[in-house]
Amino acid sequence: MFEVKSKNDSLKKLREKIEEFLSLGTMVGVLVDPRQRIMEVYSLQKETITLHDGDVFIVPEILPGWEFPVEEIWAPEFD
């Protein structure tokens, strides 16, 4: 599951929502914070991983061999 933080969202509440989904059987939860340009990756019985530009997002539990550069998730800037 993905949660994308908007200006009005509370990080605490989004993290709690992801934890609730994990407790109900979701394998991986991702919190995307465009303002900070980070992704927090949650999964049961693993530590949360924080990804930044330059990192690669992978979810081998669900998509073995699939990779996605974090900086590609952000909206492009137009001149």
PDB file of N, CA and C in Angstrom:
ATOM      1  N   MET A   1       0.831  -1.173   0.000  1.00  0.00           N
ATOM      2  CA  MET A   1       0.000   0.000   0.000  1.00  0.00           C
ATOM      3  C   MET A   1       0.874   1.234   0.000  1.00  0.00           C
ATOM      4  N   PHE A   2       0.388   2.300  -0.645  1.00  0.00           N
ATOM      5  CA  PHE A   2       1.090   3.575  -0.679  1.00  0.00           C
ATOM      6  C   PHE A   2       0.225   4.645  -0.035  1.00  0.00           C
ATOM      7  N   GLU A   3       0.834   5.473   0.771  1.00  0.00           N
ATOM      8  CA  GLU A   3       0.205   6.676   1.307  1.00  0.00           C
ATOM      9  C   GLU A   3       1.078   7.843   0.884  1.00  0.00           C
ATOM     10  N   VAL A   4       0.478   8.841   0.235  1.00  0.00           N
ATOM     11  CA  VAL A   4       1.215  10.024  -0.190  1.00  0.00           C
ATOM     12  C   VAL A   4       0.771  11.183   0.686  1.00  0.00           C
ATOM     13  N   LYS A   5       1.718  11.780   1.391  1.00  0.00           N
ATOM     14  CA  LYS A   5       1.412  12.859   2.323  1.00  0.00           C
ATOM     15  C   LYS A   5       1.090  14.145   1.565  1.00  0.00           C
ATOM     16  N   SER A   6      -0.037  14.743   1.934  1.00  0.00           N
ATOM     17  CA  SER A   6      -0.380  16.061   1.406  1.00  0.00           C
ATOM     18  C   SER A   6      -0.027  17.105   2.465  1.00  0.00           C
ATOM     19  N   LYS A   7      -0.211  18.387   2.124  1.00  0.00           N
ATOM     20  CA  LYS A   7       0.116  19.462   3.067  1.00  0.00           C
ATOM     21  C   LYS A   7      -0.629  19.319   4.385  1.00  0.00           C
ATOM     22  N   ASN A   8      -1.852  18.845   4.340  1.00  0.00           N
ATOM     23  CA  ASN A   8      -2.699  18.806   5.533  1.00  0.00           C
ATOM     24  C   ASN A   8      -2.620  17.500   6.311  1.00  0.00           C
ATOM     25  N   ASP A   9      -1.919  16.512   5.799  1.00  0.00           N
ATOM     26  CA  ASP A   9      -1.830  15.212   6.472  1.00  0.00           C
ATOM     27  C   ASP A   9      -0.863  15.254   7.645  1.00  0.00           C
ATOM     28  N   SER A  10      -1.149  14.436   8.629  1.00  0.00           N
ATOM     29  CA  SER A  10      -0.263  14.249   9.771  1.00  0.00           C
ATOM     30  C   SER A  10       0.592  13.008   9.515  1.00  0.00           C
ATOM     31  N   LEU A  11       1.918  13.174   9.601  1.00  0.00           N
ATOM     32  CA  LEU A  11       2.799  12.007   9.428  1.00  0.00           C
ATOM     33  C   LEU A  11       2.469  10.921  10.444  1.00  0.00           C
ATOM     34  N   LYS A  12       2.192  11.329  11.670  1.00  0.00           N
ATOM     35  CA  LYS A  12       1.871  10.355  12.722  1.00  0.00           C
ATOM     36  C   LYS A  12       0.648   9.520  12.335  1.00  0.00           C
ATOM     37  N   LYS A  13      -0.403  10.185  11.869  1.00  0.00           N
ATOM     38  CA  LYS A  13      -1.624   9.457  11.501  1.00  0.00           C
ATOM     39  C   LYS A  13      -1.399   8.545  10.290  1.00  0.00           C
ATOM     40  N   LEU A  14      -0.624   9.004   9.322  1.00  0.00           N
ATOM     41  CA  LEU A  14      -0.333   8.161   8.159  1.00  0.00           C
ATOM     42  C   LEU A  14       0.478   6.937   8.565  1.00  0.00           C
ATOM     43  N   ARG A  15       1.448   7.127   9.453  1.00  0.00           N
ATOM     44  CA  ARG A  15       2.247   5.991   9.933  1.00  0.00           C
ATOM     45  C   ARG A  15       1.371   5.003  10.693  1.00  0.00           C
ATOM     46  N   GLU A  16       0.454   5.506  11.511  1.00  0.00           N
ATOM     47  CA  GLU A  16      -0.469   4.634  12.245  1.00  0.00           C
ATOM     48  C   GLU A  16      -1.355   3.854  11.271  1.00  0.00           C
ATOM     49  N   LYS A  17      -1.811   4.515  10.209  1.00  0.00           N
ATOM     50  CA  LYS A  17      -2.649   3.844   9.211  1.00  0.00           C
ATOM     51  C   LYS A  17      -1.882   2.709   8.532  1.00  0.00           C
ATOM     52  N   ILE A  18      -0.633   2.962   8.190  1.00  0.00           N
ATOM     53  CA  ILE A  18       0.190   1.919   7.563  1.00  0.00           C
ATOM     54  C   ILE A  18       0.376   0.756   8.525  1.00  0.00           C
ATOM     55  N   GLU A  19       0.675   1.054   9.795  1.00  0.00           N
ATOM     56  CA  GLU A  19       0.840  -0.013  10.794  1.00  0.00           C
ATOM     57  C   GLU A  19      -0.435  -0.836  10.930  1.00  0.00           C
ATOM     58  N   GLU A  20      -1.593  -0.177  10.869  1.00  0.00           N
ATOM     59  CA  GLU A  20      -2.864  -0.900  10.958  1.00  0.00           C
ATOM     60  C   GLU A  20      -3.033  -1.841   9.764  1.00  0.00           C
ATOM     61  N   PHE A  21      -2.733  -1.352   8.567  1.00  0.00           N
ATOM     62  CA  PHE A  21      -2.837  -2.206   7.376  1.00  0.00           C
ATOM     63  C   PHE A  21      -1.875  -3.392   7.463  1.00  0.00           C
ATOM     64  N   LEU A  22      -0.665  -3.161   7.974  1.00  0.00           N
ATOM     65  CA  LEU A  22       0.280  -4.269   8.140  1.00  0.00           C
ATOM     66  C   LEU A  22      -0.271  -5.309   9.103  1.00  0.00           C
ATOM     67  N   SER A  23      -0.905  -4.855  10.174  1.00  0.00           N
ATOM     68  CA  SER A  23      -1.464  -5.799  11.150  1.00  0.00           C
ATOM     69  C   SER A  23      -2.620  -6.604  10.567  1.00  0.00           C
ATOM     70  N   LEU A  24      -3.222  -6.078   9.499  1.00  0.00           N
ATOM     71  CA  LEU A  24      -4.338  -6.769   8.847  1.00  0.00           C
ATOM     72  C   LEU A  24      -3.897  -7.641   7.676  1.00  0.00           C
ATOM     73  N   GLY A  25      -2.580  -7.716   7.447  1.00  0.00           N
ATOM     74  CA  GLY A  25      -2.083  -8.627   6.424  1.00  0.00           C
ATOM     75  C   GLY A  25      -1.388  -7.998   5.238  1.00  0.00           C
ATOM     76  N   THR A  26      -1.370  -6.668   5.164  1.00  0.00           N
ATOM     77  CA  THR A  26      -0.642  -6.030   4.074  1.00  0.00           C
ATOM     78  C   THR A  26       0.837  -6.353   4.215  1.00  0.00           C
ATOM     79  N   MET A  27       1.500  -6.690   3.123  1.00  0.00           N
ATOM     80  CA  MET A  27       2.902  -7.102   3.208  1.00  0.00           C
ATOM     81  C   MET A  27       3.864  -5.927   3.302  1.00  0.00           C
ATOM     82  N   VAL A  28       3.580  -4.856   2.557  1.00  0.00           N
ATOM     83  CA  VAL A  28       4.478  -3.703   2.521  1.00  0.00           C
ATOM     84  C   VAL A  28       3.636  -2.429   2.482  1.00  0.00           C
ATOM     85  N   GLY A  29       4.046  -1.441   3.272  1.00  0.00           N
ATOM     86  CA  GLY A  29       3.414  -0.126   3.252  1.00  0.00           C
ATOM     87  C   GLY A  29       4.480   0.918   2.984  1.00  0.00           C
ATOM     88  N   VAL A  30       4.149   1.886   2.150  1.00  0.00           N
ATOM     89  CA  VAL A  30       5.109   2.932   1.796  1.00  0.00           C
ATOM     90  C   VAL A  30       4.476   4.292   2.048  1.00  0.00           C
ATOM     91  N   LEU A  31       5.186   5.112   2.807  1.00  0.00           N
ATOM     92  CA  LEU A  31       4.773   6.487   3.045  1.00  0.00           C
ATOM     93  C   LEU A  31       5.645   7.387   2.191  1.00  0.00           C
ATOM     94  N   VAL A  32       5.012   8.130   1.283  1.00  0.00           N
ATOM     95  CA  VAL A  32       5.725   9.022   0.372  1.00  0.00           C
ATOM     96  C   VAL A  32       5.503  10.452   0.854  1.00  0.00           C
ATOM     97  N   ASP A  33       6.600  11.161   1.104  1.00  0.00           N
ATOM     98  CA  ASP A  33       6.523  12.553   1.533  1.00  0.00           C
ATOM     99  C   ASP A  33       7.216  13.423   0.481  1.00  0.00           C
ATOM    100  N   PRO A  34       6.426  13.979  -0.455  1.00  0.00           N
ATOM    101  CA  PRO A  34       7.023  14.756  -1.542  1.00  0.00           C
ATOM    102  C   PRO A  34       7.753  16.011  -1.068  1.00  0.00           C
ATOM    103  N   ARG A  35       7.294  16.630   0.008  1.00  0.00           N
ATOM    104  CA  ARG A  35       7.951  17.849   0.492  1.00  0.00           C
ATOM    105  C   ARG A  35       9.373  17.561   0.955  1.00  0.00           C
ATOM    106  N   GLN A  36       9.558  16.442   1.654  1.00  0.00           N
ATOM    107  CA  GLN A  36      10.889  16.068   2.144  1.00  0.00           C
ATOM    108  C   GLN A  36      11.645  15.196   1.157  1.00  0.00           C
ATOM    109  N   ARG A  37      10.936  14.754   0.093  1.00  0.00           N
ATOM    110  CA  ARG A  37      11.513  13.859  -0.923  1.00  0.00           C
ATOM    111  C   ARG A  37      12.082  12.581  -0.291  1.00  0.00           C
ATOM    112  N   ILE A  38      11.237  11.969   0.548  1.00  0.00           N
ATOM    113  CA  ILE A  38      11.618  10.692   1.151  1.00  0.00           C
ATOM    114  C   ILE A  38      10.479   9.688   0.995  1.00  0.00           C
ATOM    115  N   MET A  39      10.858   8.422   1.064  1.00  0.00           N
ATOM    116  CA  MET A  39       9.908   7.320   1.109  1.00  0.00           C
ATOM    117  C   MET A  39      10.272   6.470   2.328  1.00  0.00           C
ATOM    118  N   GLU A  40       9.278   6.180   3.152  1.00  0.00           N
ATOM    119  CA  GLU A  40       9.487   5.286   4.289  1.00  0.00           C
ATOM    120  C   GLU A  40       8.833   3.954   3.935  1.00  0.00           C
ATOM    121  N   VAL A  41       9.603   2.876   4.004  1.00  0.00           N
ATOM    122  CA  VAL A  41       9.110   1.559   3.612  1.00  0.00           C
ATOM    123  C   VAL A  41       8.931   0.713   4.876  1.00  0.00           C
ATOM    124  N   TYR A  42       7.693   0.248   5.087  1.00  0.00           N
ATOM    125  CA  TYR A  42       7.329  -0.536   6.256  1.00  0.00           C
ATOM    126  C   TYR A  42       6.981  -1.957   5.835  1.00  0.00           C
ATOM    127  N   SER A  43       7.399  -2.924   6.622  1.00  0.00           N
ATOM    128  CA  SER A  43       6.949  -4.303   6.440  1.00  0.00           C
ATOM    129  C   SER A  43       7.010  -4.988   7.795  1.00  0.00           C
ATOM    130  N   LEU A  44       6.197  -6.003   7.949  1.00  0.00           N
ATOM    131  CA  LEU A  44       6.128  -6.703   9.233  1.00  0.00           C
ATOM    132  C   LEU A  44       7.476  -7.294   9.611  1.00  0.00           C
ATOM    133  N   GLN A  45       7.803  -7.180  10.864  1.00  0.00           N
ATOM    134  CA  GLN A  45       8.996  -7.789  11.452  1.00  0.00           C
ATOM    135  C   GLN A  45      10.296  -7.328  10.803  1.00  0.00           C
ATOM    136  N   LYS A  46      10.287  -6.128  10.211  1.00  0.00           N
ATOM    137  CA  LYS A  46      11.502  -5.528   9.662  1.00  0.00           C
ATOM    138  C   LYS A  46      11.544  -4.075  10.103  1.00  0.00           C
ATOM    139  N   GLU A  47      12.737  -3.541  10.214  1.00  0.00           N
ATOM    140  CA  GLU A  47      12.858  -2.133  10.542  1.00  0.00           C
ATOM    141  C   GLU A  47      12.410  -1.281   9.362  1.00  0.00           C
ATOM    142  N   THR A  48      11.867  -0.105   9.670  1.00  0.00           N
ATOM    143  CA  THR A  48      11.465   0.834   8.636  1.00  0.00           C
ATOM    144  C   THR A  48      12.706   1.328   7.899  1.00  0.00           C
ATOM    145  N   ILE A  49      12.603   1.398   6.602  1.00  0.00           N
ATOM    146  CA  ILE A  49      13.706   1.874   5.760  1.00  0.00           C
ATOM    147  C   ILE A  49      13.292   3.234   5.195  1.00  0.00           C
ATOM    148  N   THR A  50      14.159   4.221   5.329  1.00  0.00           N
ATOM    149  CA  THR A  50      13.915   5.535   4.752  1.00  0.00           C
ATOM    150  C   THR A  50      14.792   5.698   3.517  1.00  0.00           C
ATOM    151  N   LEU A  51      14.137   6.000   2.396  1.00  0.00           N
ATOM    152  CA  LEU A  51      14.840   6.154   1.127  1.00  0.00           C
ATOM    153  C   LEU A  51      14.833   7.613   0.688  1.00  0.00           C
ATOM    154  N   HIS A  52      15.939   8.030   0.085  1.00  0.00           N
ATOM    155  CA  HIS A  52      16.108   9.392  -0.411  1.00  0.00           C
ATOM    156  C   HIS A  52      16.483   9.337  -1.889  1.00  0.00           C
ATOM    157  N   ASP A  53      16.574  10.527  -2.509  1.00  0.00           N
ATOM    158  CA  ASP A  53      17.081  10.581  -3.874  1.00  0.00           C
ATOM    159  C   ASP A  53      18.439   9.880  -3.918  1.00  0.00           C
ATOM    160  N   GLY A  54      18.677   9.131  -4.951  1.00  0.00           N
ATOM    161  CA  GLY A  54      19.915   8.361  -5.071  1.00  0.00           C
ATOM    162  C   GLY A  54      19.746   6.920  -4.612  1.00  0.00           C
ATOM    163  N   ASP A  55      18.681   6.647  -3.830  1.00  0.00           N
ATOM    164  CA  ASP A  55      18.395   5.277  -3.390  1.00  0.00           C
ATOM    165  C   ASP A  55      17.496   4.591  -4.413  1.00  0.00           C
ATOM    166  N   VAL A  56      17.394   3.287  -4.307  1.00  0.00           N
ATOM    167  CA  VAL A  56      16.542   2.497  -5.194  1.00  0.00           C
ATOM    168  C   VAL A  56      15.501   1.781  -4.347  1.00  0.00           C
ATOM    169  N   PHE A  57      14.236   1.944  -4.732  1.00  0.00           N
ATOM    170  CA  PHE A  57      13.125   1.291  -4.049  1.00  0.00           C
ATOM    171  C   PHE A  57      12.970  -0.111  -4.618  1.00  0.00           C
ATOM    172  N   ILE A  58      13.027  -1.108  -3.749  1.00  0.00           N
ATOM    173  CA  ILE A  58      12.806  -2.496  -4.151  1.00  0.00           C
ATOM    174  C   ILE A  58      11.845  -3.145  -3.157  1.00  0.00           C
ATOM    175  N   VAL A  59      11.074  -4.093  -3.616  1.00  0.00           N
ATOM    176  CA  VAL A  59      10.183  -4.879  -2.760  1.00  0.00           C
ATOM    177  C   VAL A  59      10.291  -6.342  -3.177  1.00  0.00           C
ATOM    178  N   PRO A  60      11.397  -7.004  -2.795  1.00  0.00           N
ATOM    179  CA  PRO A  60      11.613  -8.373  -3.251  1.00  0.00           C
ATOM    180  C   PRO A  60      10.539  -9.346  -2.770  1.00  0.00           C
ATOM    181  N   GLU A  61       9.846  -9.001  -1.676  1.00  0.00           N
ATOM    182  CA  GLU A  61       8.786  -9.875  -1.164  1.00  0.00           C
ATOM    183  C   GLU A  61       7.623  -9.984  -2.143  1.00  0.00           C
ATOM    184  N   ILE A  62       7.422  -8.914  -2.924  1.00  0.00           N
ATOM    185  CA  ILE A  62       6.276  -8.856  -3.825  1.00  0.00           C
ATOM    186  C   ILE A  62       6.706  -8.882  -5.290  1.00  0.00           C
ATOM    187  N   LEU A  63       7.757  -8.119  -5.616  1.00  0.00           N
ATOM    188  CA  LEU A  63       8.207  -7.989  -7.001  1.00  0.00           C
ATOM    189  C   LEU A  63       9.700  -8.283  -7.108  1.00  0.00           C
ATOM    190  N   PRO A  64      10.087  -9.544  -7.053  1.00  0.00           N
ATOM    191  CA  PRO A  64      11.508  -9.874  -7.135  1.00  0.00           C
ATOM    192  C   PRO A  64      12.124  -9.358  -8.436  1.00  0.00           C
ATOM    193  N   GLY A  65      13.281  -8.703  -8.314  1.00  0.00           N
ATOM    194  CA  GLY A  65      13.995  -8.204  -9.471  1.00  0.00           C
ATOM    195  C   GLY A  65      13.567  -6.828  -9.949  1.00  0.00           C
ATOM    196  N   TRP A  66      12.444  -6.303  -9.434  1.00  0.00           N
ATOM    197  CA  TRP A  66      11.956  -4.988  -9.838  1.00  0.00           C
ATOM    198  C   TRP A  66      12.656  -3.909  -9.021  1.00  0.00           C
ATOM    199  N   GLU A  67      13.071  -2.824  -9.677  1.00  0.00           N
ATOM    200  CA  GLU A  67      13.746  -1.717  -9.016  1.00  0.00           C
ATOM    201  C   GLU A  67      13.193  -0.403  -9.537  1.00  0.00           C
ATOM    202  N   PHE A  68      13.168   0.616  -8.659  1.00  0.00           N
ATOM    203  CA  PHE A  68      12.665   1.927  -9.051  1.00  0.00           C
ATOM    204  C   PHE A  68      13.484   3.011  -8.368  1.00  0.00           C
ATOM    205  N   PRO A  69      14.225   3.827  -9.121  1.00  0.00           N
ATOM    206  CA  PRO A  69      15.000   4.911  -8.513  1.00  0.00           C
ATOM    207  C   PRO A  69      14.065   5.926  -7.840  1.00  0.00           C
ATOM    208  N   VAL A  70      14.336   6.243  -6.588  1.00  0.00           N
ATOM    209  CA  VAL A  70      13.464   7.119  -5.805  1.00  0.00           C
ATOM    210  C   VAL A  70      13.241   8.463  -6.492  1.00  0.00           C
ATOM    211  N   GLU A  71      14.277   9.058  -7.052  1.00  0.00           N
ATOM    212  CA  GLU A  71      14.112  10.399  -7.637  1.00  0.00           C
ATOM    213  C   GLU A  71      13.137  10.411  -8.811  1.00  0.00           C
ATOM    214  N   GLU A  72      12.816   9.252  -9.376  1.00  0.00           N
ATOM    215  CA  GLU A  72      11.882   9.204 -10.497  1.00  0.00           C
ATOM    216  C   GLU A  72      10.429   9.313 -10.064  1.00  0.00           C
ATOM    217  N   ILE A  73      10.154   9.232  -8.762  1.00  0.00           N
ATOM    218  CA  ILE A  73       8.770   9.319  -8.295  1.00  0.00           C
ATOM    219  C   ILE A  73       8.273  10.756  -8.196  1.00  0.00           C
ATOM    220  N   TRP A  74       9.191  11.696  -8.062  1.00  0.00           N
ATOM    221  CA  TRP A  74       8.800  13.090  -7.878  1.00  0.00           C
ATOM    222  C   TRP A  74       8.349  13.700  -9.197  1.00  0.00           C
ATOM    223  N   ALA A  75       7.376  14.605  -9.105  1.00  0.00           N
ATOM    224  CA  ALA A  75       6.870  15.282 -10.298  1.00  0.00           C
ATOM    225  C   ALA A  75       7.995  16.074 -10.952  1.00  0.00           C
ATOM    226  N   PRO A  76       8.054  16.035 -12.265  1.00  0.00           N
ATOM    227  CA  PRO A  76       9.110  16.813 -12.950  1.00  0.00           C
ATOM    228  C   PRO A  76       8.864  18.311 -12.781  1.00  0.00           C
ATOM    229  N   GLU A  77       9.946  19.043 -12.777  1.00  0.00           N
ATOM    230  CA  GLU A  77       9.836  20.503 -12.721  1.00  0.00           C
ATOM    231  C   GLU A  77       9.880  21.031 -14.134  1.00  0.00           C
ATOM    232  N   PHE A  78       9.015  21.973 -14.402  1.00  0.00           N
ATOM    233  CA  PHE A  78       8.938  22.537 -15.740  1.00  0.00           C
ATOM    234  C   PHE A  78       9.534  23.938 -15.727  1.00  0.00           C
ATOM    235  N   ASP A  79      10.304  24.252 -16.775  1.00  0.00           N
ATOM    236  CA  ASP A  79      10.906  25.583 -16.902  1.00  0.00           C
ATOM    237  C   ASP A  79       9.939  26.552 -17.524  1.00  0.00           C
TER     238      ASP A  79
END
